[in-house]
Amino acid sequence: MTQEQFQHFWLQLKAPLKMKWNKITESDLDAIQGNLATFSAILRQRYGDVDKLEVQTWADRRHAVWSGNYIGYKDPEPVS
């Protein structure tokens, strides 16, 4: 997902993002405001080193589902 796509789908991304990375706070979401670099920085701040491939795959799947290019994908249940 590119910065432009991340910005465009920001409103749709907020809920699944918070579900996937539950340490993200509402004030973090306010700070991110669709900025991919800020999102990455906040993930590092909350979780330390995050697997960039995992983040990219997650974002790419969100975009693919919304754009109709990835039918049938279901996220795994979140681990508590």
C-alpha atoms as a PDB file:
ATOM      1  CA  MET A   1       0.000   0.000   0.000  1.00  0.00           C
ATOM      2  CA  THR A   2       1.373   3.360  -0.970  1.00  0.00           C
ATOM      3  CA  GLN A   3       1.129   6.560   1.065  1.00  0.00           C
ATOM      4  CA  GLU A   4      -1.622   7.768  -1.252  1.00  0.00           C
ATOM      5  CA  GLN A   5      -3.651   4.572  -0.758  1.00  0.00           C
ATOM      6  CA  PHE A   6      -3.077   4.643   3.014  1.00  0.00           C
ATOM      7  CA  GLN A   7      -4.337   8.240   3.137  1.00  0.00           C
ATOM      8  CA  HIS A   8      -7.316   7.465   0.912  1.00  0.00           C
ATOM      9  CA  PHE A   9      -8.453   4.483   3.013  1.00  0.00           C
ATOM     10  CA  TRP A  10      -7.552   5.990   6.390  1.00  0.00           C
ATOM     11  CA  LEU A  11     -11.117   6.054   7.762  1.00  0.00           C
ATOM     12  CA  GLN A  12     -11.622   2.396   6.829  1.00  0.00           C
ATOM     13  CA  LEU A  13      -8.200   1.412   8.211  1.00  0.00           C
ATOM     14  CA  LYS A  14      -8.621   2.809  11.709  1.00  0.00           C
ATOM     15  CA  ALA A  15     -10.818   0.039  13.186  1.00  0.00           C
ATOM     16  CA  PRO A  16      -8.934  -2.965  11.735  1.00  0.00           C
ATOM     17  CA  LEU A  17      -5.628  -1.290  12.585  1.00  0.00           C
ATOM     18  CA  LYS A  18      -6.652  -0.898  16.219  1.00  0.00           C
ATOM     19  CA  MET A  19      -7.890  -4.499  16.289  1.00  0.00           C
ATOM     20  CA  LYS A  20      -4.611  -5.837  14.877  1.00  0.00           C
ATOM     21  CA  TRP A  21      -2.323  -3.649  17.008  1.00  0.00           C
ATOM     22  CA  ASN A  22      -4.285  -3.062  20.212  1.00  0.00           C
ATOM     23  CA  LYS A  23      -1.550  -0.976  21.879  1.00  0.00           C
ATOM     24  CA  ILE A  24      -2.376   1.829  19.424  1.00  0.00           C
ATOM     25  CA  THR A  25      -4.331   4.508  21.284  1.00  0.00           C
ATOM     26  CA  GLU A  26      -6.944   6.975  20.083  1.00  0.00           C
ATOM     27  CA  SER A  27      -4.375   9.766  20.381  1.00  0.00           C
ATOM     28  CA  ASP A  28      -2.024   7.666  18.201  1.00  0.00           C
ATOM     29  CA  LEU A  29      -4.778   7.402  15.581  1.00  0.00           C
ATOM     30  CA  ASP A  30      -5.254  11.169  15.757  1.00  0.00           C
ATOM     31  CA  ALA A  31      -1.508  11.634  15.236  1.00  0.00           C
ATOM     32  CA  ILE A  32      -1.331   9.181  12.322  1.00  0.00           C
ATOM     33  CA  GLN A  33      -4.149  10.802  10.288  1.00  0.00           C
ATOM     34  CA  GLY A  34      -3.388   8.677   7.250  1.00  0.00           C
ATOM     35  CA  ASN A  35       0.378   9.222   7.280  1.00  0.00           C
ATOM     36  CA  LEU A  36       2.168   5.929   6.621  1.00  0.00           C
ATOM     37  CA  ALA A  37       5.506   7.116   8.037  1.00  0.00           C
ATOM     38  CA  THR A  38       3.847   8.275  11.268  1.00  0.00           C
ATOM     39  CA  PHE A  39       2.023   4.938  11.496  1.00  0.00           C
ATOM     40  CA  SER A  40       5.341   3.083  11.188  1.00  0.00           C
ATOM     41  CA  ALA A  41       6.968   5.299  13.811  1.00  0.00           C
ATOM     42  CA  ILE A  42       4.112   4.780  16.265  1.00  0.00           C
ATOM     43  CA  LEU A  43       4.192   1.019  15.713  1.00  0.00           C
ATOM     44  CA  ARG A  44       7.924   1.015  16.555  1.00  0.00           C
ATOM     45  CA  GLN A  45       7.236   3.159  19.618  1.00  0.00           C
ATOM     46  CA  ARG A  46       4.481   0.839  20.906  1.00  0.00           C
ATOM     47  CA  TYR A  47       5.903  -2.539  19.865  1.00  0.00           C
ATOM     48  CA  GLY A  48       9.635  -2.055  19.328  1.00  0.00           C
ATOM     49  CA  ASP A  49      10.969  -3.672  16.183  1.00  0.00           C
ATOM     50  CA  VAL A  50       7.985  -4.671  14.064  1.00  0.00           C
ATOM     51  CA  ASP A  51       8.319  -7.029  11.123  1.00  0.00           C
ATOM     52  CA  LYS A  52       7.980  -4.653   8.165  1.00  0.00           C
ATOM     53  CA  LEU A  53       6.801  -7.499   5.944  1.00  0.00           C
ATOM     54  CA  GLU A  54       3.939  -8.246   8.367  1.00  0.00           C
ATOM     55  CA  VAL A  55       2.853  -4.594   8.352  1.00  0.00           C
ATOM     56  CA  GLN A  56       3.142  -4.309   4.568  1.00  0.00           C
ATOM     57  CA  THR A  57       1.221  -7.571   4.027  1.00  0.00           C
ATOM     58  CA  TRP A  58      -1.521  -6.427   6.392  1.00  0.00           C
ATOM     59  CA  ALA A  59      -1.864  -3.058   4.634  1.00  0.00           C
ATOM     60  CA  ASP A  60      -1.714  -4.601   1.162  1.00  0.00           C
ATOM     61  CA  ARG A  61      -4.479  -7.055   2.031  1.00  0.00           C
ATOM     62  CA  ARG A  62      -6.683  -4.249   3.356  1.00  0.00           C
ATOM     63  CA  HIS A  63      -6.240  -2.366   0.096  1.00  0.00           C
ATOM     64  CA  ALA A  64      -6.787  -5.474  -2.033  1.00  0.00           C
ATOM     65  CA  VAL A  65     -10.050  -6.306  -0.268  1.00  0.00           C
ATOM     66  CA  TRP A  66     -11.379  -2.744  -0.625  1.00  0.00           C
ATOM     67  CA  SER A  67     -10.343  -2.492  -4.243  1.00  0.00           C
ATOM     68  CA  GLY A  68     -11.924  -5.867  -5.058  1.00  0.00           C
ATOM     69  CA  ASN A  69      -8.660  -7.589  -5.972  1.00  0.00           C
ATOM     70  CA  TYR A  70      -8.430 -10.075  -3.105  1.00  0.00           C
ATOM     71  CA  ILE A  71     -11.634 -12.015  -2.533  1.00  0.00           C
ATOM     72  CA  GLY A  72     -11.969 -14.477   0.325  1.00  0.00           C
ATOM     73  CA  TYR A  73      -9.270 -13.185   2.661  1.00  0.00           C
ATOM     74  CA  LYS A  74     -10.103 -13.443   6.359  1.00  0.00           C
ATOM     75  CA  ASP A  75      -7.858 -12.051   9.055  1.00  0.00           C
ATOM     76  CA  PRO A  76      -6.701 -14.460  11.738  1.00  0.00           C
ATOM     77  CA  GLU A  77      -8.265 -13.960  15.152  1.00  0.00           C
ATOM     78  CA  PRO A  78      -6.286 -11.439  17.237  1.00  0.00           C
ATOM     79  CA  VAL A  79      -4.023 -12.886  19.912  1.00  0.00           C
ATOM     80  CA  SER A  80      -4.625 -11.389  23.346  1.00  0.00           C
END
